[in-house]
C-alpha atoms as a PDB file:
ATOM      1  CA  UNK A   1      21.922 -27.726  50.987  1.00  0.00           C
ATOM      2  CA  UNK A   2      24.901 -28.999  51.193  1.00  0.00           C
ATOM      3  CA  UNK A   3      27.864 -29.081  48.537  1.00  0.00           C
ATOM      4  CA  UNK A   4      28.629 -32.847  47.505  1.00  0.00           C
ATOM      5  CA  UNK A   5      31.926 -32.033  48.434  1.00  0.00           C
ATOM      6  CA  UNK A   6      31.203 -31.102  51.870  1.00  0.00           C
ATOM      7  CA  UNK A   7      28.778 -34.946  52.551  1.00  0.00           C
ATOM      8  CA  UNK A   8      32.280 -36.487  51.134  1.00  0.00           C
ATOM      9  CA  UNK A   9      34.270 -34.886  54.232  1.00  0.00           C
ATOM     10  CA  UNK A  10      30.989 -35.880  56.679  1.00  0.00           C
ATOM     11  CA  UNK A  11      31.322 -39.274  55.908  1.00  0.00           C
ATOM     12  CA  UNK A  12      34.854 -39.573  55.747  1.00  0.00           C
ATOM     13  CA  UNK A  13      36.926 -37.094  56.854  1.00  0.00           C
ATOM     14  CA  UNK A  14      40.291 -38.166  55.836  1.00  0.00           C
ATOM     15  CA  UNK A  15      38.646 -37.409  51.869  1.00  0.00           C
ATOM     16  CA  UNK A  16      40.278 -34.312  51.148  1.00  0.00           C
ATOM     17  CA  UNK A  17      39.051 -33.022  47.553  1.00  0.00           C
ATOM     18  CA  UNK A  18      41.410 -30.735  45.955  1.00  0.00           C
ATOM     19  CA  UNK A  19      38.652 -28.619  43.899  1.00  0.00           C
ATOM     20  CA  UNK A  20      35.215 -28.175  44.449  1.00  0.00           C
ATOM     21  CA  UNK A  21      32.603 -30.247  42.243  1.00  0.00           C
ATOM     22  CA  UNK A  22      31.415 -29.905  39.178  1.00  0.00           C
ATOM     23  CA  UNK A  23      27.923 -28.132  40.429  1.00  0.00           C
ATOM     24  CA  UNK A  24      25.606 -30.770  38.096  1.00  0.00           C
ATOM     25  CA  UNK A  25      27.292 -33.148  41.176  1.00  0.00           C
ATOM     26  CA  UNK A  26      24.316 -31.515  43.212  1.00  0.00           C
ATOM     27  CA  UNK A  27      24.409 -34.036  46.168  1.00  0.00           C
ATOM     28  CA  UNK A  28      25.753 -37.278  47.976  1.00  0.00           C
ATOM     29  CA  UNK A  29      24.291 -39.650  45.904  1.00  0.00           C
ATOM     30  CA  UNK A  30      24.378 -38.536  42.364  1.00  0.00           C
ATOM     31  CA  UNK A  31      28.679 -38.675  43.574  1.00  0.00           C
ATOM     32  CA  UNK A  32      28.898 -41.733  44.997  1.00  0.00           C
ATOM     33  CA  UNK A  33      27.296 -42.681  41.834  1.00  0.00           C
ATOM     34  CA  UNK A  34      29.253 -42.149  39.277  1.00  0.00           C
ATOM     35  CA  UNK A  35      32.492 -42.101  41.614  1.00  0.00           C
ATOM     36  CA  UNK A  36      31.272 -46.149  41.756  1.00  0.00           C
ATOM     37  CA  UNK A  37      31.343 -46.025  37.838  1.00  0.00           C
ATOM     38  CA  UNK A  38      34.228 -44.196  37.027  1.00  0.00           C
ATOM     39  CA  UNK A  39      35.832 -47.167  40.611  1.00  0.00           C
ATOM     40  CA  UNK A  40      34.901 -50.164  38.716  1.00  0.00           C
ATOM     41  CA  UNK A  41      36.608 -48.902  35.207  1.00  0.00           C
ATOM     42  CA  UNK A  42      39.883 -48.601  37.140  1.00  0.00           C
ATOM     43  CA  UNK A  43      39.434 -52.012  38.894  1.00  0.00           C
ATOM     44  CA  UNK A  44      38.671 -53.242  35.291  1.00  0.00           C
ATOM     45  CA  UNK A  45      42.612 -51.504  34.115  1.00  0.00           C
ATOM     46  CA  UNK A  46      41.386 -48.179  33.075  1.00  0.00           C
ATOM     47  CA  UNK A  47      44.445 -45.450  33.503  1.00  0.00           C
ATOM     48  CA  UNK A  48      43.648 -43.234  36.334  1.00  0.00           C
ATOM     49  CA  UNK A  49      43.693 -38.845  34.967  1.00  0.00           C
ATOM     50  CA  UNK A  50      45.515 -37.923  37.786  1.00  0.00           C
ATOM     51  CA  UNK A  51      48.843 -38.221  39.266  1.00  0.00           C
ATOM     52  CA  UNK A  52      47.964 -40.613  41.962  1.00  0.00           C
ATOM     53  CA  UNK A  53      49.873 -44.005  42.261  1.00  0.00           C
ATOM     54  CA  UNK A  54      47.177 -46.759  41.599  1.00  0.00           C
ATOM     55  CA  UNK A  55      49.419 -49.081  44.475  1.00  0.00           C
ATOM     56  CA  UNK A  56      48.923 -46.625  46.971  1.00  0.00           C
ATOM     57  CA  UNK A  57      45.293 -45.688  46.822  1.00  0.00           C
ATOM     58  CA  UNK A  58      42.268 -47.254  46.346  1.00  0.00           C
ATOM     59  CA  UNK A  59      39.772 -47.272  42.875  1.00  0.00           C
ATOM     60  CA  UNK A  60      37.447 -45.166  45.016  1.00  0.00           C
ATOM     61  CA  UNK A  61      39.415 -42.372  46.194  1.00  0.00           C
ATOM     62  CA  UNK A  62      40.885 -42.071  42.383  1.00  0.00           C
ATOM     63  CA  UNK A  63      37.630 -41.287  41.478  1.00  0.00           C
ATOM     64  CA  UNK A  64      36.328 -38.656  43.637  1.00  0.00           C
ATOM     65  CA  UNK A  65      39.657 -37.725  42.705  1.00  0.00           C
ATOM     66  CA  UNK A  66      39.098 -37.218  39.415  1.00  0.00           C
ATOM     67  CA  UNK A  67      35.915 -36.158  39.454  1.00  0.00           C
ATOM     68  CA  UNK A  68      37.448 -33.645  41.976  1.00  0.00           C
ATOM     69  CA  UNK A  69      39.001 -31.898  39.177  1.00  0.00           C
ATOM     70  CA  UNK A  70      37.184 -32.126  36.322  1.00  0.00           C
ATOM     71  CA  UNK A  71      38.110 -35.500  34.580  1.00  0.00           C
ATOM     72  CA  UNK A  72      35.409 -37.255  34.529  1.00  0.00           C
ATOM     73  CA  UNK A  73      32.528 -36.635  32.129  1.00  0.00           C
ATOM     74  CA  UNK A  74      29.232 -37.479  32.355  1.00  0.00           C
ATOM     75  CA  UNK A  75      25.601 -36.876  31.695  1.00  0.00           C
ATOM     76  CA  UNK A  76      22.720 -36.761  33.507  1.00  0.00           C
ATOM     77  CA  UNK A  77      19.169 -37.783  32.127  1.00  0.00           C
ATOM     78  CA  UNK A  78      15.985 -37.457  32.912  1.00  0.00           C
ATOM     79  CA  UNK A  79      13.537 -40.259  33.234  1.00  0.00           C
ATOM     80  CA  UNK A  80      10.735 -39.281  31.761  1.00  0.00           C
ATOM     81  CA  UNK A  81       7.804 -41.771  32.345  1.00  0.00           C
END
């Protein structure tokens, strides 16, 4: 199984995440969900946690960089029926 960083580079070659994703992010789907939620927070006014200029970079790019650098905390909950 390909790692999330490899998958995102395959989807969009211009995305070059500088560091590896945390091991909890085991799929591109999980990465997209976490990045989308963080991107929404940034669009609502949350301060970026990495030194990227919000005027030059889209919220999604900032969110992906934050995740790659381990600046975004998240929990993965098991759904039991």
